[in-house]
Amino acid sequence: MQITHRTVLVVGGTSGIGRGLAQRFADAGSTVVVGGRDPGRPAGLETVRIDVTDPESVLRARDEVLDAHPDLDVVVTMSGVMLTEDLRDPAHIAAAETTIATNLLGTIRVVDAFTPHLLARGHGTILTVSSGIAFLPFPLMPSYGASKAGVHAYTEALRAQLAGTGVEVAELVPPAVATAGQERVNPAALPLDAYLDEVVELLAAEPTPAEVLVEGVRMHRWAERDGTYAELVERRSQSLRTLPGR
């Protein structure tokens, strides 16, 4: 996809991968709007307040963005939360509900809000964000994995339904990336800048890849195919020892 001279909305772009990706689009010469519940004032980027768990907030943000940027042609939806859960404790349902509402339903709400605009233009790009955990579960965060697997499946269906409209659909599949302290939890987390270097190169390919897979996430994406799935899930299950009473 062309990443220069686009008009881009990054929902969930106030920190981490989203903030970095927004800056990469801006550095390439695109107009970028960053959306979040508390977007702040990132240097050189416009902002819009949006809470993806609130349908009215999503619609207000849509109207604000399209009023200011009727040429919007790229929508990136990557708002997400990562919460641990102890499935032996029924109280985990609160974390599960928050995770599904943000990661999966939030993605669907943002896509729904902007799809009619892109279809009317006859071209554009929707970029969803799943995770390597969508394909190789991390048992300490069960609803996170389920929500991201849902984003993957929804993206596949969206791509099929929008085929032939001029609106392309791509899925960013990050591995662990060193943001929000993840480098302390997971020493294997990729440095953010190195990750974004790979992502931008992959995104710029023609045609746009259906799945944006950096080298560091391929072992997760293809674990079942490669016969390493059971071993890797068992290894990841060691994290359950951090739960109380384990």
C-alpha atoms as a PDB file:
ATOM      1  CA  MET A   1       0.000   0.000   0.000  1.00  0.00           C
ATOM      2  CA  GLN A   2       1.097   3.540  -0.529  1.00  0.00           C
ATOM      3  CA  ILE A   3       1.991   5.092   2.822  1.00  0.00           C
ATOM      4  CA  THR A   4       2.770   8.580   1.549  1.00  0.00           C
ATOM      5  CA  HIS A   5       0.200  11.310   0.988  1.00  0.00           C
ATOM      6  CA  ARG A   6      -2.562   9.384   2.707  1.00  0.00           C
ATOM      7  CA  THR A   7      -5.037  10.641   5.292  1.00  0.00           C
ATOM      8  CA  VAL A   8      -4.827   8.247   8.207  1.00  0.00           C
ATOM      9  CA  LEU A   9      -6.779   7.693  11.413  1.00  0.00           C
ATOM     10  CA  VAL A  10      -5.031   5.551  14.033  1.00  0.00           C
ATOM     11  CA  VAL A  11      -7.493   4.598  16.760  1.00  0.00           C
ATOM     12  CA  GLY A  12      -5.437   3.497  19.740  1.00  0.00           C
ATOM     13  CA  GLY A  13      -2.490   5.521  18.548  1.00  0.00           C
ATOM     14  CA  THR A  14      -1.737   7.382  21.764  1.00  0.00           C
ATOM     15  CA  SER A  15       1.087   5.091  22.890  1.00  0.00           C
ATOM     16  CA  GLY A  16       3.164   2.044  22.001  1.00  0.00           C
ATOM     17  CA  ILE A  17       2.899   0.485  18.563  1.00  0.00           C
ATOM     18  CA  GLY A  18      -0.013   2.716  17.581  1.00  0.00           C
ATOM     19  CA  ARG A  19       1.812   5.918  18.445  1.00  0.00           C
ATOM     20  CA  GLY A  20       4.920   4.726  16.647  1.00  0.00           C
ATOM     21  CA  LEU A  21       2.998   3.687  13.543  1.00  0.00           C
ATOM     22  CA  ALA A  22       1.172   7.015  13.469  1.00  0.00           C
ATOM     23  CA  GLN A  23       4.510   8.806  13.499  1.00  0.00           C
ATOM     24  CA  ARG A  24       5.843   6.618  10.685  1.00  0.00           C
ATOM     25  CA  PHE A  25       2.855   7.559   8.515  1.00  0.00           C
ATOM     26  CA  ALA A  26       3.406  11.229   9.348  1.00  0.00           C
ATOM     27  CA  ASP A  27       7.124  11.004   8.606  1.00  0.00           C
ATOM     28  CA  ALA A  28       6.234   9.534   5.200  1.00  0.00           C
ATOM     29  CA  GLY A  29       4.202  12.625   4.375  1.00  0.00           C
ATOM     30  CA  SER A  30       0.704  11.490   5.350  1.00  0.00           C
ATOM     31  CA  THR A  31      -1.837  13.473   7.336  1.00  0.00           C
ATOM     32  CA  VAL A  32      -2.440  11.599  10.591  1.00  0.00           C
ATOM     33  CA  VAL A  33      -5.145  11.786  13.253  1.00  0.00           C
ATOM     34  CA  VAL A  34      -4.563   9.881  16.482  1.00  0.00           C
ATOM     35  CA  GLY A  35      -7.552   8.665  18.483  1.00  0.00           C
ATOM     36  CA  GLY A  36      -7.794   7.557  22.099  1.00  0.00           C
ATOM     37  CA  ARG A  37      -9.651   8.043  25.342  1.00  0.00           C
ATOM     38  CA  ASP A  38      -7.026  10.581  26.421  1.00  0.00           C
ATOM     39  CA  PRO A  39      -5.152  11.462  23.241  1.00  0.00           C
ATOM     40  CA  GLY A  40      -3.087  14.289  24.687  1.00  0.00           C
ATOM     41  CA  ARG A  41      -1.209  16.469  22.222  1.00  0.00           C
ATOM     42  CA  PRO A  42       1.363  14.390  20.341  1.00  0.00           C
ATOM     43  CA  ALA A  43       3.782  16.652  18.471  1.00  0.00           C
ATOM     44  CA  GLY A  44       2.776  17.235  14.874  1.00  0.00           C
ATOM     45  CA  LEU A  45      -0.308  15.017  14.953  1.00  0.00           C
ATOM     46  CA  GLU A  46      -3.985  15.838  15.185  1.00  0.00           C
ATOM     47  CA  THR A  47      -6.072  14.070  17.804  1.00  0.00           C
ATOM     48  CA  VAL A  48      -9.623  12.953  18.428  1.00  0.00           C
ATOM     49  CA  ARG A  49     -11.123  11.664  21.640  1.00  0.00           C
ATOM     50  CA  ILE A  50     -12.653   8.219  21.236  1.00  0.00           C
ATOM     51  CA  ASP A  51     -13.629   5.407  23.583  1.00  0.00           C
ATOM     52  CA  VAL A  52     -14.151   2.271  21.507  1.00  0.00           C
ATOM     53  CA  THR A  53     -16.284   0.681  24.238  1.00  0.00           C
ATOM     54  CA  ASP A  54     -18.838   3.519  23.872  1.00  0.00           C
ATOM     55  CA  PRO A  55     -20.850   3.437  20.621  1.00  0.00           C
ATOM     56  CA  GLU A  56     -21.796   7.119  20.889  1.00  0.00           C
ATOM     57  CA  SER A  57     -18.157   8.108  21.368  1.00  0.00           C
ATOM     58  CA  VAL A  58     -17.190   6.212  18.228  1.00  0.00           C
ATOM     59  CA  LEU A  59     -19.872   7.938  16.173  1.00  0.00           C
ATOM     60  CA  ARG A  60     -18.948  11.385  17.515  1.00  0.00           C
ATOM     61  CA  ALA A  61     -15.308  10.759  16.665  1.00  0.00           C
ATOM     62  CA  ARG A  62     -16.249   9.566  13.181  1.00  0.00           C
ATOM     63  CA  ASP A  63     -18.221  12.741  12.499  1.00  0.00           C
ATOM     64  CA  GLU A  64     -15.430  14.951  13.849  1.00  0.00           C
ATOM     65  CA  VAL A  65     -12.750  13.254  11.776  1.00  0.00           C
ATOM     66  CA  LEU A  66     -14.752  13.174   8.548  1.00  0.00           C
ATOM     67  CA  ASP A  67     -15.835  16.803   8.931  1.00  0.00           C
ATOM     68  CA  ALA A  68     -12.185  17.811   9.141  1.00  0.00           C
ATOM     69  CA  HIS A  69     -10.861  15.206   6.699  1.00  0.00           C
ATOM     70  CA  PRO A  70     -13.398  14.129   4.087  1.00  0.00           C
ATOM     71  CA  ASP A  71     -10.477  12.586   2.173  1.00  0.00           C
ATOM     72  CA  LEU A  72      -9.754  10.054   4.937  1.00  0.00           C
ATOM     73  CA  ASP A  73      -8.586   6.868   3.223  1.00  0.00           C
ATOM     74  CA  VAL A  74      -6.786   4.780   5.860  1.00  0.00           C
ATOM     75  CA  VAL A  75      -8.343   3.554   9.104  1.00  0.00           C
ATOM     76  CA  VAL A  76      -6.164   1.708  11.615  1.00  0.00           C
ATOM     77  CA  THR A  77      -7.971   0.226  14.603  1.00  0.00           C
ATOM     78  CA  MET A  78      -5.692  -1.021  17.353  1.00  0.00           C
ATOM     79  CA  SER A  79      -7.175  -0.086  20.731  1.00  0.00           C
ATOM     80  CA  GLY A  80      -6.520  -2.942  23.119  1.00  0.00           C
ATOM     81  CA  VAL A  81      -6.021  -4.092  26.685  1.00  0.00           C
ATOM     82  CA  MET A  82      -3.967  -7.021  27.991  1.00  0.00           C
ATOM     83  CA  LEU A  83      -5.289  -8.377  31.290  1.00  0.00           C
ATOM     84  CA  THR A  84      -4.263 -11.479  33.200  1.00  0.00           C
ATOM     85  CA  GLU A  85      -6.991 -13.848  34.374  1.00  0.00           C
ATOM     86  CA  ASP A  86      -7.215 -16.735  36.830  1.00  0.00           C
ATOM     87  CA  LEU A  87      -9.857 -19.016  35.321  1.00  0.00           C
ATOM     88  CA  ARG A  88     -10.234 -20.825  38.652  1.00  0.00           C
ATOM     89  CA  ASP A  89     -11.706 -17.615  40.060  1.00  0.00           C
ATOM     90  CA  PRO A  90     -15.120 -16.666  38.615  1.00  0.00           C
ATOM     91  CA  ALA A  91     -14.304 -13.024  39.298  1.00  0.00           C
ATOM     92  CA  HIS A  92     -12.119 -13.111  36.165  1.00  0.00           C
ATOM     93  CA  ILE A  93     -15.287 -12.435  34.153  1.00  0.00           C
ATOM     94  CA  ALA A  94     -14.845  -8.683  34.720  1.00  0.00           C
ATOM     95  CA  ALA A  95     -11.472  -8.769  32.985  1.00  0.00           C
ATOM     96  CA  ALA A  96     -12.897 -10.958  30.218  1.00  0.00           C
ATOM     97  CA  GLU A  97     -15.759  -8.545  29.556  1.00  0.00           C
ATOM     98  CA  THR A  98     -13.424  -5.540  29.462  1.00  0.00           C
ATOM     99  CA  THR A  99     -11.062  -7.330  27.094  1.00  0.00           C
ATOM    100  CA  ILE A 100     -13.741  -8.451  24.645  1.00  0.00           C
ATOM    101  CA  ALA A 101     -15.486  -5.064  24.732  1.00  0.00           C
ATOM    102  CA  THR A 102     -12.270  -3.219  23.920  1.00  0.00           C
ATOM    103  CA  ASN A 103     -10.301  -5.536  21.658  1.00  0.00           C
ATOM    104  CA  LEU A 104     -13.015  -7.234  19.625  1.00  0.00           C
ATOM    105  CA  LEU A 105     -16.190  -5.157  19.838  1.00  0.00           C
ATOM    106  CA  GLY A 106     -14.115  -1.978  19.745  1.00  0.00           C
ATOM    107  CA  THR A 107     -12.526  -3.093  16.498  1.00  0.00           C
ATOM    108  CA  ILE A 108     -15.917  -3.899  14.994  1.00  0.00           C
ATOM    109  CA  ARG A 109     -17.376  -0.546  16.058  1.00  0.00           C
ATOM    110  CA  VAL A 110     -14.559   1.432  14.465  1.00  0.00           C
ATOM    111  CA  VAL A 111     -14.696  -0.596  11.252  1.00  0.00           C
ATOM    112  CA  ASP A 112     -18.475  -0.193  11.072  1.00  0.00           C
ATOM    113  CA  ALA A 113     -18.238   3.549  11.631  1.00  0.00           C
ATOM    114  CA  PHE A 114     -15.873   4.209   8.726  1.00  0.00           C
ATOM    115  CA  THR A 115     -16.639   1.470   6.192  1.00  0.00           C
ATOM    116  CA  PRO A 116     -19.536   3.364   4.530  1.00  0.00           C
ATOM    117  CA  HIS A 117     -17.263   6.379   3.990  1.00  0.00           C
ATOM    118  CA  LEU A 118     -14.521   4.267   2.396  1.00  0.00           C
ATOM    119  CA  LEU A 119     -17.018   2.389   0.229  1.00  0.00           C
ATOM    120  CA  ALA A 120     -18.478   5.656  -0.996  1.00  0.00           C
ATOM    121  CA  ARG A 121     -14.969   6.806  -1.989  1.00  0.00           C
ATOM    122  CA  GLY A 122     -14.357   3.527  -3.801  1.00  0.00           C
ATOM    123  CA  HIS A 123     -10.882   3.080  -2.367  1.00  0.00           C
ATOM    124  CA  GLY A 124      -9.003   3.010   0.923  1.00  0.00           C
ATOM    125  CA  THR A 125      -7.422   0.723   3.470  1.00  0.00           C
ATOM    126  CA  ILE A 126      -8.645  -0.779   6.724  1.00  0.00           C
ATOM    127  CA  LEU A 127      -5.849  -2.103   8.949  1.00  0.00           C
ATOM    128  CA  THR A 128      -6.893  -4.211  11.937  1.00  0.00           C
ATOM    129  CA  VAL A 129      -4.505  -5.377  14.648  1.00  0.00           C
ATOM    130  CA  SER A 130      -4.553  -8.874  16.056  1.00  0.00           C
ATOM    131  CA  SER A 131      -1.557 -10.531  17.757  1.00  0.00           C
ATOM    132  CA  GLY A 132       0.722 -13.527  17.615  1.00  0.00           C
ATOM    133  CA  ILE A 133      -1.298 -14.638  20.649  1.00  0.00           C
ATOM    134  CA  ALA A 134      -4.300 -15.012  18.345  1.00  0.00           C
ATOM    135  CA  PHE A 135      -2.532 -18.030  16.842  1.00  0.00           C
ATOM    136  CA  LEU A 136      -0.486 -19.277  19.804  1.00  0.00           C
ATOM    137  CA  PRO A 137      -2.329 -18.707  23.113  1.00  0.00           C
ATOM    138  CA  PHE A 138      -0.683 -17.196  26.160  1.00  0.00           C
ATOM    139  CA  PRO A 139      -2.638 -18.973  28.933  1.00  0.00           C
ATOM    140  CA  LEU A 140      -2.127 -16.186  31.463  1.00  0.00           C
ATOM    141  CA  MET A 141      -4.252 -13.895  29.244  1.00  0.00           C
ATOM    142  CA  PRO A 142      -6.993 -16.181  27.908  1.00  0.00           C
ATOM    143  CA  SER A 143      -9.534 -13.557  26.888  1.00  0.00           C
ATOM    144  CA  TYR A 144      -6.856 -11.458  25.216  1.00  0.00           C
ATOM    145  CA  GLY A 145      -5.999 -14.417  22.980  1.00  0.00           C
ATOM    146  CA  ALA A 146      -9.671 -15.119  22.327  1.00  0.00           C
ATOM    147  CA  SER A 147     -10.352 -11.479  21.442  1.00  0.00           C
ATOM    148  CA  LYS A 148      -7.425 -11.301  19.046  1.00  0.00           C
ATOM    149  CA  ALA A 149      -8.394 -14.611  17.428  1.00  0.00           C
ATOM    150  CA  GLY A 150     -11.794 -13.005  16.950  1.00  0.00           C
ATOM    151  CA  VAL A 151     -10.201  -9.953  15.326  1.00  0.00           C
ATOM    152  CA  HIS A 152      -8.361 -12.262  12.925  1.00  0.00           C
ATOM    153  CA  ALA A 153     -11.510 -14.167  11.961  1.00  0.00           C
ATOM    154  CA  TYR A 154     -13.511 -10.944  11.609  1.00  0.00           C
ATOM    155  CA  THR A 155     -10.806  -9.425   9.416  1.00  0.00           C
ATOM    156  CA  GLU A 156     -10.837 -12.447   7.127  1.00  0.00           C
ATOM    157  CA  ALA A 157     -14.610 -12.123   6.712  1.00  0.00           C
ATOM    158  CA  LEU A 158     -14.387  -8.353   6.196  1.00  0.00           C
ATOM    159  CA  ARG A 159     -11.806  -8.798   3.460  1.00  0.00           C
ATOM    160  CA  ALA A 160     -14.044 -11.305   1.673  1.00  0.00           C
ATOM    161  CA  GLN A 161     -17.100  -9.068   1.931  1.00  0.00           C
ATOM    162  CA  LEU A 162     -15.271  -5.963   0.668  1.00  0.00           C
ATOM    163  CA  ALA A 163     -13.552  -7.728  -2.219  1.00  0.00           C
ATOM    164  CA  GLY A 164     -14.043  -5.804  -5.452  1.00  0.00           C
ATOM    165  CA  THR A 165     -15.043  -2.543  -3.739  1.00  0.00           C
ATOM    166  CA  GLY A 166     -11.625  -0.903  -3.918  1.00  0.00           C
ATOM    167  CA  VAL A 167     -11.295  -0.999  -0.124  1.00  0.00           C
ATOM    168  CA  GLU A 168      -8.436  -3.277   0.922  1.00  0.00           C
ATOM    169  CA  VAL A 169      -8.275  -4.987   4.301  1.00  0.00           C
ATOM    170  CA  ALA A 170      -5.004  -5.896   6.007  1.00  0.00           C
ATOM    171  CA  GLU A 171      -4.187  -7.344   9.416  1.00  0.00           C
ATOM    172  CA  LEU A 172      -1.192  -6.359  11.502  1.00  0.00           C
ATOM    173  CA  VAL A 173      -0.045  -9.323  13.631  1.00  0.00           C
ATOM    174  CA  PRO A 174       2.447  -8.093  16.243  1.00  0.00           C
ATOM    175  CA  PRO A 175       4.634 -10.315  18.403  1.00  0.00           C
ATOM    176  CA  ALA A 176       5.698  -9.081  21.829  1.00  0.00           C
ATOM    177  CA  VAL A 177       7.094  -5.577  21.328  1.00  0.00           C
ATOM    178  CA  ALA A 178       8.998  -3.613  23.950  1.00  0.00           C
ATOM    179  CA  THR A 179       6.328  -1.089  24.921  1.00  0.00           C
ATOM    180  CA  ALA A 180       4.546  -0.356  28.205  1.00  0.00           C
ATOM    181  CA  GLY A 181       7.183  -2.240  30.177  1.00  0.00           C
ATOM    182  CA  GLN A 182       6.916  -5.456  28.181  1.00  0.00           C
ATOM    183  CA  GLU A 183      10.693  -5.562  27.891  1.00  0.00           C
ATOM    184  CA  ARG A 184      10.802  -6.225  31.649  1.00  0.00           C
ATOM    185  CA  VAL A 185       8.189  -8.992  31.465  1.00  0.00           C
ATOM    186  CA  ASN A 186       9.435 -10.557  28.241  1.00  0.00           C
ATOM    187  CA  PRO A 187      13.132 -10.188  27.437  1.00  0.00           C
ATOM    188  CA  ALA A 188      12.379 -11.502  23.929  1.00  0.00           C
ATOM    189  CA  ALA A 189      10.159  -8.505  23.134  1.00  0.00           C
ATOM    190  CA  LEU A 190      11.258  -6.765  19.939  1.00  0.00           C
ATOM    191  CA  PRO A 191      12.551  -3.186  20.168  1.00  0.00           C
ATOM    192  CA  LEU A 192       9.791  -0.875  18.991  1.00  0.00           C
ATOM    193  CA  ASP A 193      11.799   0.941  16.325  1.00  0.00           C
ATOM    194  CA  ALA A 194      13.114  -2.299  14.827  1.00  0.00           C
ATOM    195  CA  TYR A 195       9.576  -3.676  14.744  1.00  0.00           C
ATOM    196  CA  LEU A 196       8.217  -0.577  13.047  1.00  0.00           C
ATOM    197  CA  ASP A 197      11.024  -0.653  10.476  1.00  0.00           C
ATOM    198  CA  GLU A 198       9.847  -4.114   9.409  1.00  0.00           C
ATOM    199  CA  VAL A 199       6.183  -3.166   9.487  1.00  0.00           C
ATOM    200  CA  VAL A 200       6.593  -0.100   7.295  1.00  0.00           C
ATOM    201  CA  GLU A 201       8.595  -2.068   4.745  1.00  0.00           C
ATOM    202  CA  LEU A 202       5.950  -4.805   4.629  1.00  0.00           C
ATOM    203  CA  LEU A 203       3.050  -2.338   4.445  1.00  0.00           C
ATOM    204  CA  ALA A 204       4.663  -0.558   1.516  1.00  0.00           C
ATOM    205  CA  ALA A 205       4.618  -3.735  -0.582  1.00  0.00           C
ATOM    206  CA  GLU A 206       2.339  -4.026  -3.604  1.00  0.00           C
ATOM    207  CA  PRO A 207      -0.077  -5.642  -3.310  1.00  0.00           C
ATOM    208  CA  THR A 208      -0.633  -4.969   0.379  1.00  0.00           C
ATOM    209  CA  PRO A 209      -0.151  -8.219   2.313  1.00  0.00           C
ATOM    210  CA  ALA A 210      -3.301  -9.665   3.833  1.00  0.00           C
ATOM    211  CA  GLU A 211      -1.314 -10.311   7.029  1.00  0.00           C
ATOM    212  CA  VAL A 212       1.603  -8.116   8.042  1.00  0.00           C
ATOM    213  CA  LEU A 213       3.971 -10.646   9.602  1.00  0.00           C
ATOM    214  CA  VAL A 214       7.389  -9.550  10.784  1.00  0.00           C
ATOM    215  CA  GLU A 215       9.994 -12.275  11.131  1.00  0.00           C
ATOM    216  CA  GLY A 216       9.604 -12.367  14.913  1.00  0.00           C
ATOM    217  CA  VAL A 217       5.932 -13.405  14.791  1.00  0.00           C
ATOM    218  CA  ARG A 218       6.155 -16.160  12.187  1.00  0.00           C
ATOM    219  CA  MET A 219       6.960 -18.869  14.750  1.00  0.00           C
ATOM    220  CA  HIS A 220       3.665 -18.028  16.474  1.00  0.00           C
ATOM    221  CA  ARG A 221       1.595 -17.643  13.312  1.00  0.00           C
ATOM    222  CA  TRP A 222       2.742 -20.955  11.841  1.00  0.00           C
ATOM    223  CA  ALA A 223       3.216 -23.046  15.020  1.00  0.00           C
ATOM    224  CA  GLU A 224       0.471 -25.541  14.131  1.00  0.00           C
ATOM    225  CA  ARG A 225       1.782 -25.969  10.599  1.00  0.00           C
ATOM    226  CA  ASP A 226       5.328 -26.396  11.859  1.00  0.00           C
ATOM    227  CA  GLY A 227       4.429 -28.921  14.559  1.00  0.00           C
ATOM    228  CA  THR A 228       5.689 -26.727  17.412  1.00  0.00           C
ATOM    229  CA  TYR A 229       2.296 -25.633  18.783  1.00  0.00           C
ATOM    230  CA  ALA A 230       1.979 -27.986  21.783  1.00  0.00           C
ATOM    231  CA  GLU A 231       5.569 -27.409  22.887  1.00  0.00           C
ATOM    232  CA  LEU A 232       5.267 -23.635  22.682  1.00  0.00           C
ATOM    233  CA  VAL A 233       1.924 -23.514  24.529  1.00  0.00           C
ATOM    234  CA  GLU A 234       3.396 -25.683  27.281  1.00  0.00           C
ATOM    235  CA  ARG A 235       6.335 -23.315  27.532  1.00  0.00           C
ATOM    236  CA  ARG A 236       4.031 -20.317  27.701  1.00  0.00           C
ATOM    237  CA  SER A 237       1.949 -22.029  30.387  1.00  0.00           C
ATOM    238  CA  GLN A 238       4.846 -21.635  32.822  1.00  0.00           C
ATOM    239  CA  SER A 239       3.638 -18.070  33.321  1.00  0.00           C
ATOM    240  CA  LEU A 240       0.641 -19.439  35.240  1.00  0.00           C
ATOM    241  CA  ARG A 241       2.967 -19.906  38.203  1.00  0.00           C
ATOM    242  CA  THR A 242       2.722 -16.177  38.792  1.00  0.00           C
ATOM    243  CA  LEU A 243      -0.958 -16.481  39.753  1.00  0.00           C
ATOM    244  CA  PRO A 244      -1.756 -16.479  43.493  1.00  0.00           C
ATOM    245  CA  GLY A 245      -1.697 -19.945  45.042  1.00  0.00           C
ATOM    246  CA  ARG A 246      -0.061 -21.655  42.060  1.00  0.00           C
END
